[in-house]
Amino acid sequence: FSTPWSPPAWMKTGDSLLGGSMRKH
């Protein structure tokens, strides 16, 4: 099985790998 540390920054609030949350769209 596989699990990433974070979604891509551009998919998240804050546009950063460090923090934020997924944008539902």
PDB file of all heavy atoms in Angstrom:
ATOM      1  N   PHE A   1       0.847  -1.180   0.000  1.00  0.00           N
ATOM      2  CA  PHE A   1       0.000   0.000   0.000  1.00  0.00           C
ATOM      3  C   PHE A   1       0.884   1.232   0.000  1.00  0.00           C
ATOM      4  O   PHE A   1       2.065   1.161   0.329  1.00  0.00           O
ATOM      5  CB  PHE A   1      -0.979   0.015   1.185  1.00  0.00           C
ATOM      6  CG  PHE A   1      -0.352   0.280   2.517  1.00  0.00           C
ATOM      7  CD1 PHE A   1      -0.332   1.558   3.029  1.00  0.00           C
ATOM      8  CD2 PHE A   1       0.196  -0.751   3.259  1.00  0.00           C
ATOM      9  CE1 PHE A   1       0.228   1.813   4.271  1.00  0.00           C
ATOM     10  CE2 PHE A   1       0.760  -0.515   4.489  1.00  0.00           C
ATOM     11  CZ  PHE A   1       0.779   0.770   5.001  1.00  0.00           C
ATOM     12  N   SER A   2       0.305   2.353  -0.394  1.00  0.00           N
ATOM     13  CA  SER A   2       1.084   3.576  -0.517  1.00  0.00           C
ATOM     14  C   SER A   2       0.342   4.731   0.136  1.00  0.00           C
ATOM     15  O   SER A   2      -0.891   4.787   0.114  1.00  0.00           O
ATOM     16  CB  SER A   2       1.316   3.876  -1.998  1.00  0.00           C
ATOM     17  OG  SER A   2       2.095   5.029  -2.135  1.00  0.00           O
ATOM     18  N   THR A   3       1.127   5.637   0.678  1.00  0.00           N
ATOM     19  CA  THR A   3       0.548   6.821   1.298  1.00  0.00           C
ATOM     20  C   THR A   3       1.511   7.994   1.146  1.00  0.00           C
ATOM     21  O   THR A   3       2.679   7.888   1.502  1.00  0.00           O
ATOM     22  CB  THR A   3       0.216   6.555   2.782  1.00  0.00           C
ATOM     23  OG1 THR A   3      -0.409   7.717   3.327  1.00  0.00           O
ATOM     24  CG2 THR A   3       1.419   6.189   3.596  1.00  0.00           C
ATOM     25  N   PRO A   4       1.061   9.101   0.569  1.00  0.00           N
ATOM     26  CA  PRO A   4       1.931  10.276   0.439  1.00  0.00           C
ATOM     27  C   PRO A   4       1.972  11.077   1.744  1.00  0.00           C
ATOM     28  O   PRO A   4       1.102  10.948   2.602  1.00  0.00           O
ATOM     29  CB  PRO A   4       1.243  11.091  -0.664  1.00  0.00           C
ATOM     30  CG  PRO A   4      -0.195  10.723  -0.537  1.00  0.00           C
ATOM     31  CD  PRO A   4      -0.230   9.289  -0.078  1.00  0.00           C
ATOM     32  N   TRP A   5       2.988  11.906   1.860  1.00  0.00           N
ATOM     33  CA  TRP A   5       3.056  12.802   3.015  1.00  0.00           C
ATOM     34  C   TRP A   5       2.087  13.953   2.874  1.00  0.00           C
ATOM     35  O   TRP A   5       1.545  14.450   3.852  1.00  0.00           O
ATOM     36  CB  TRP A   5       4.471  13.353   3.194  1.00  0.00           C
ATOM     37  CG  TRP A   5       5.370  12.370   3.869  1.00  0.00           C
ATOM     38  CD1 TRP A   5       6.351  11.622   3.280  1.00  0.00           C
ATOM     39  CD2 TRP A   5       5.347  11.989   5.240  1.00  0.00           C
ATOM     40  NE1 TRP A   5       6.945  10.804   4.207  1.00  0.00           N
ATOM     41  CE2 TRP A   5       6.345  11.008   5.427  1.00  0.00           C
ATOM     42  CE3 TRP A   5       4.597  12.385   6.336  1.00  0.00           C
ATOM     43  CZ2 TRP A   5       6.605  10.424   6.654  1.00  0.00           C
ATOM     44  CZ3 TRP A   5       4.853  11.798   7.569  1.00  0.00           C
ATOM     45  CH2 TRP A   5       5.848  10.832   7.709  1.00  0.00           C
ATOM     46  N   SER A   6       1.879  14.410   1.627  1.00  0.00           N
ATOM     47  CA  SER A   6       1.026  15.573   1.422  1.00  0.00           C
ATOM     48  C   SER A   6       0.526  15.595  -0.010  1.00  0.00           C
ATOM     49  O   SER A   6       1.235  15.165  -0.925  1.00  0.00           O
ATOM     50  CB  SER A   6       1.825  16.855   1.682  1.00  0.00           C
ATOM     51  OG  SER A   6       1.083  18.002   1.339  1.00  0.00           O
ATOM     52  N   PRO A   7      -0.669  16.124  -0.225  1.00  0.00           N
ATOM     53  CA  PRO A   7      -1.083  16.410  -1.590  1.00  0.00           C
ATOM     54  C   PRO A   7      -0.162  17.481  -2.177  1.00  0.00           C
ATOM     55  O   PRO A   7       0.532  18.190  -1.432  1.00  0.00           O
ATOM     56  CB  PRO A   7      -2.499  16.967  -1.430  1.00  0.00           C
ATOM     57  CG  PRO A   7      -2.945  16.538  -0.070  1.00  0.00           C
ATOM     58  CD  PRO A   7      -1.697  16.445   0.756  1.00  0.00           C
ATOM     59  N   PRO A   8      -0.148  17.631  -3.497  1.00  0.00           N
ATOM     60  CA  PRO A   8       0.641  18.713  -4.100  1.00  0.00           C
ATOM     61  C   PRO A   8       0.229  20.079  -3.532  1.00  0.00           C
ATOM     62  O   PRO A   8      -0.947  20.301  -3.234  1.00  0.00           O
ATOM     63  CB  PRO A   8       0.301  18.619  -5.584  1.00  0.00           C
ATOM     64  CG  PRO A   8      -0.149  17.208  -5.784  1.00  0.00           C
ATOM     65  CD  PRO A   8      -0.839  16.824  -4.501  1.00  0.00           C
ATOM     66  N   ALA A   9       1.182  20.954  -3.405  1.00  0.00           N
ATOM     67  CA  ALA A   9       0.925  22.267  -2.802  1.00  0.00           C
ATOM     68  C   ALA A   9      -0.192  23.022  -3.500  1.00  0.00           C
ATOM     69  O   ALA A   9      -1.019  23.658  -2.840  1.00  0.00           O
ATOM     70  CB  ALA A   9       2.213  23.090  -2.800  1.00  0.00           C
ATOM     71  N   TRP A  10      -0.258  22.942  -4.824  1.00  0.00           N
ATOM     72  CA  TRP A  10      -1.265  23.714  -5.564  1.00  0.00           C
ATOM     73  C   TRP A  10      -2.687  23.225  -5.305  1.00  0.00           C
ATOM     74  O   TRP A  10      -3.645  23.929  -5.613  1.00  0.00           O
ATOM     75  CB  TRP A  10      -0.958  23.740  -7.060  1.00  0.00           C
ATOM     76  CG  TRP A  10      -0.937  22.397  -7.729  1.00  0.00           C
ATOM     77  CD1 TRP A  10       0.136  21.563  -7.882  1.00  0.00           C
ATOM     78  CD2 TRP A  10      -2.031  21.736  -8.361  1.00  0.00           C
ATOM     79  NE1 TRP A  10      -0.224  20.425  -8.562  1.00  0.00           N
ATOM     80  CE2 TRP A  10      -1.549  20.503  -8.874  1.00  0.00           C
ATOM     81  CE3 TRP A  10      -3.378  22.060  -8.550  1.00  0.00           C
ATOM     82  CZ2 TRP A  10      -2.356  19.597  -9.551  1.00  0.00           C
ATOM     83  CZ3 TRP A  10      -4.191  21.155  -9.229  1.00  0.00           C
ATOM     84  CH2 TRP A  10      -3.682  19.954  -9.720  1.00  0.00           C
ATOM     85  N   MET A  11      -2.849  22.062  -4.691  1.00  0.00           N
ATOM     86  CA  MET A  11      -4.180  21.535  -4.375  1.00  0.00           C
ATOM     87  C   MET A  11      -4.627  21.930  -2.970  1.00  0.00           C
ATOM     88  O   MET A  11      -5.741  21.619  -2.560  1.00  0.00           O
ATOM     89  CB  MET A  11      -4.186  20.006  -4.464  1.00  0.00           C
ATOM     90  CG  MET A  11      -4.048  19.470  -5.844  1.00  0.00           C
ATOM     91  SD  MET A  11      -4.207  17.681  -5.785  1.00  0.00           S
ATOM     92  CE  MET A  11      -4.026  17.291  -7.511  1.00  0.00           C
ATOM     93  N   LYS A  12      -3.774  22.628  -2.240  1.00  0.00           N
ATOM     94  CA  LYS A  12      -4.035  22.901  -0.832  1.00  0.00           C
ATOM     95  C   LYS A  12      -4.179  24.391  -0.549  1.00  0.00           C
ATOM     96  O   LYS A  12      -3.626  25.225  -1.255  1.00  0.00           O
ATOM     97  CB  LYS A  12      -2.874  22.358   0.009  1.00  0.00           C
ATOM     98  CG  LYS A  12      -2.731  20.865  -0.083  1.00  0.00           C
ATOM     99  CD  LYS A  12      -1.472  20.334   0.531  1.00  0.00           C
ATOM    100  CE  LYS A  12      -0.952  21.093   1.694  1.00  0.00           C
ATOM    101  NZ  LYS A  12       0.290  20.582   2.234  1.00  0.00           N
ATOM    102  N   THR A  13      -4.894  24.682   0.528  1.00  0.00           N
ATOM    103  CA  THR A  13      -4.936  26.056   1.005  1.00  0.00           C
ATOM    104  C   THR A  13      -3.519  26.440   1.414  1.00  0.00           C
ATOM    105  O   THR A  13      -2.778  25.617   1.944  1.00  0.00           O
ATOM    106  CB  THR A  13      -5.887  26.202   2.202  1.00  0.00           C
ATOM    107  OG1 THR A  13      -5.450  25.335   3.250  1.00  0.00           O
ATOM    108  CG2 THR A  13      -7.318  25.855   1.833  1.00  0.00           C
ATOM    109  N   GLY A  14      -3.121  27.640   1.132  1.00  0.00           N
ATOM    110  CA  GLY A  14      -1.785  28.098   1.478  1.00  0.00           C
ATOM    111  C   GLY A  14      -0.751  27.810   0.412  1.00  0.00           C
ATOM    112  O   GLY A  14       0.362  28.306   0.470  1.00  0.00           O
ATOM    113  N   ASP A  15      -1.097  26.981  -0.594  1.00  0.00           N
ATOM    114  CA  ASP A  15      -0.187  26.660  -1.701  1.00  0.00           C
ATOM    115  C   ASP A  15       1.202  26.240  -1.233  1.00  0.00           C
ATOM    116  O   ASP A  15       2.210  26.611  -1.825  1.00  0.00           O
ATOM    117  CB  ASP A  15      -0.084  27.835  -2.677  1.00  0.00           C
ATOM    118  CG  ASP A  15      -1.403  28.108  -3.373  1.00  0.00           C
ATOM    119  OD1 ASP A  15      -2.014  27.152  -3.871  1.00  0.00           O
ATOM    120  OD2 ASP A  15      -1.835  29.279  -3.405  1.00  0.00           O
ATOM    121  N   SER A  16       1.266  25.480  -0.164  1.00  0.00           N
ATOM    122  CA  SER A  16       2.535  25.004   0.380  1.00  0.00           C
ATOM    123  C   SER A  16       2.396  23.542   0.771  1.00  0.00           C
ATOM    124  O   SER A  16       1.314  23.094   1.154  1.00  0.00           O
ATOM    125  CB  SER A  16       2.918  25.828   1.609  1.00  0.00           C
ATOM    126  OG  SER A  16       4.045  25.263   2.253  1.00  0.00           O
ATOM    127  N   LEU A  17       3.493  22.801   0.687  1.00  0.00           N
ATOM    128  CA  LEU A  17       3.477  21.427   1.190  1.00  0.00           C
ATOM    129  C   LEU A  17       3.381  21.407   2.705  1.00  0.00           C
ATOM    130  O   LEU A  17       2.883  20.459   3.298  1.00  0.00           O
ATOM    131  CB  LEU A  17       4.740  20.681   0.756  1.00  0.00           C
ATOM    132  CG  LEU A  17       4.836  20.349  -0.725  1.00  0.00           C
ATOM    133  CD1 LEU A  17       6.172  19.695  -1.035  1.00  0.00           C
ATOM    134  CD2 LEU A  17       3.696  19.448  -1.152  1.00  0.00           C
ATOM    135  N   LEU A  18       3.852  22.462   3.349  1.00  0.00           N
ATOM    136  CA  LEU A  18       3.885  22.538   4.811  1.00  0.00           C
ATOM    137  C   LEU A  18       2.611  23.188   5.332  1.00  0.00           C
ATOM    138  O   LEU A  18       2.505  24.401   5.424  1.00  0.00           O
ATOM    139  CB  LEU A  18       5.103  23.325   5.278  1.00  0.00           C
ATOM    140  CG  LEU A  18       6.449  22.822   4.783  1.00  0.00           C
ATOM    141  CD1 LEU A  18       7.571  23.738   5.258  1.00  0.00           C
ATOM    142  CD2 LEU A  18       6.697  21.399   5.230  1.00  0.00           C
ATOM    143  N   GLY A  19       1.629  22.371   5.674  1.00  0.00           N
ATOM    144  CA  GLY A  19       0.401  22.890   6.257  1.00  0.00           C
ATOM    145  C   GLY A  19      -0.731  23.000   5.266  1.00  0.00           C
ATOM    146  O   GLY A  19      -0.658  22.522   4.148  1.00  0.00           O
ATOM    147  N   GLY A  20      -1.789  23.643   5.724  1.00  0.00           N
ATOM    148  CA  GLY A  20      -2.967  23.809   4.904  1.00  0.00           C
ATOM    149  C   GLY A  20      -3.820  22.557   4.875  1.00  0.00           C
ATOM    150  O   GLY A  20      -3.574  21.586   5.581  1.00  0.00           O
ATOM    151  N   SER A  21      -4.844  22.597   4.052  1.00  0.00           N
ATOM    152  CA  SER A  21      -5.727  21.454   3.875  1.00  0.00           C
ATOM    153  C   SER A  21      -6.137  21.382   2.408  1.00  0.00           C
ATOM    154  O   SER A  21      -5.955  22.341   1.660  1.00  0.00           O
ATOM    155  CB  SER A  21      -6.949  21.576   4.786  1.00  0.00           C
ATOM    156  OG  SER A  21      -7.653  22.766   4.520  1.00  0.00           O
ATOM    157  N   MET A  22      -6.664  20.244   2.030  1.00  0.00           N
ATOM    158  CA  MET A  22      -7.086  20.057   0.637  1.00  0.00           C
ATOM    159  C   MET A  22      -8.203  21.028   0.284  1.00  0.00           C
ATOM    160  O   MET A  22      -9.099  21.279   1.083  1.00  0.00           O
ATOM    161  CB  MET A  22      -7.611  18.632   0.421  1.00  0.00           C
ATOM    162  CG  MET A  22      -6.572  17.619   0.128  1.00  0.00           C
ATOM    163  SD  MET A  22      -5.718  17.843  -1.440  1.00  0.00           S
ATOM    164  CE  MET A  22      -7.003  17.475  -2.611  1.00  0.00           C
ATOM    165  N   ARG A  23      -8.133  21.533  -0.924  1.00  0.00           N
ATOM    166  CA  ARG A  23      -9.262  22.279  -1.472  1.00  0.00           C
ATOM    167  C   ARG A  23     -10.198  21.238  -2.075  1.00  0.00           C
ATOM    168  O   ARG A  23      -9.783  20.433  -2.908  1.00  0.00           O
ATOM    169  CB  ARG A  23      -8.786  23.261  -2.532  1.00  0.00           C
ATOM    170  CG  ARG A  23      -7.934  24.369  -1.976  1.00  0.00           C
ATOM    171  CD  ARG A  23      -7.485  25.309  -3.094  1.00  0.00           C
ATOM    172  NE  ARG A  23      -6.837  26.463  -2.554  1.00  0.00           N
ATOM    173  CZ  ARG A  23      -5.610  26.848  -2.889  1.00  0.00           C
ATOM    174  NH1 ARG A  23      -4.900  26.162  -3.760  1.00  0.00           N
ATOM    175  NH2 ARG A  23      -5.093  27.928  -2.350  1.00  0.00           N
ATOM    176  N   LYS A  24     -11.436  21.241  -1.628  1.00  0.00           N
ATOM    177  CA  LYS A  24     -12.374  20.185  -2.017  1.00  0.00           C
ATOM    178  C   LYS A  24     -12.531  20.060  -3.534  1.00  0.00           C
ATOM    179  O   LYS A  24     -12.728  18.964  -4.044  1.00  0.00           O
ATOM    180  CB  LYS A  24     -13.729  20.401  -1.365  1.00  0.00           C
ATOM    181  CG  LYS A  24     -13.717  20.117   0.123  1.00  0.00           C
ATOM    182  CD  LYS A  24     -15.099  20.248   0.715  1.00  0.00           C
ATOM    183  CE  LYS A  24     -15.059  19.928   2.191  1.00  0.00           C
ATOM    184  NZ  LYS A  24     -16.378  19.939   2.798  1.00  0.00           N
ATOM    185  N   HIS A  25     -12.423  21.149  -4.253  1.00  0.00           N
ATOM    186  CA  HIS A  25     -12.627  21.058  -5.701  1.00  0.00           C
ATOM    187  C   HIS A  25     -11.477  20.330  -6.408  1.00  0.00           C
ATOM    188  O   HIS A  25     -11.560  20.063  -7.601  1.00  0.00           O
ATOM    189  CB  HIS A  25     -12.904  22.435  -6.317  1.00  0.00           C
ATOM    190  CG  HIS A  25     -11.802  23.441  -6.153  1.00  0.00           C
ATOM    191  ND1 HIS A  25     -11.694  24.237  -5.038  1.00  0.00           N
ATOM    192  CD2 HIS A  25     -10.782  23.778  -6.954  1.00  0.00           C
ATOM    193  CE1 HIS A  25     -10.638  25.018  -5.166  1.00  0.00           C
ATOM    194  NE2 HIS A  25     -10.070  24.764  -6.315  1.00  0.00           N
TER     195      HIS A  25
END
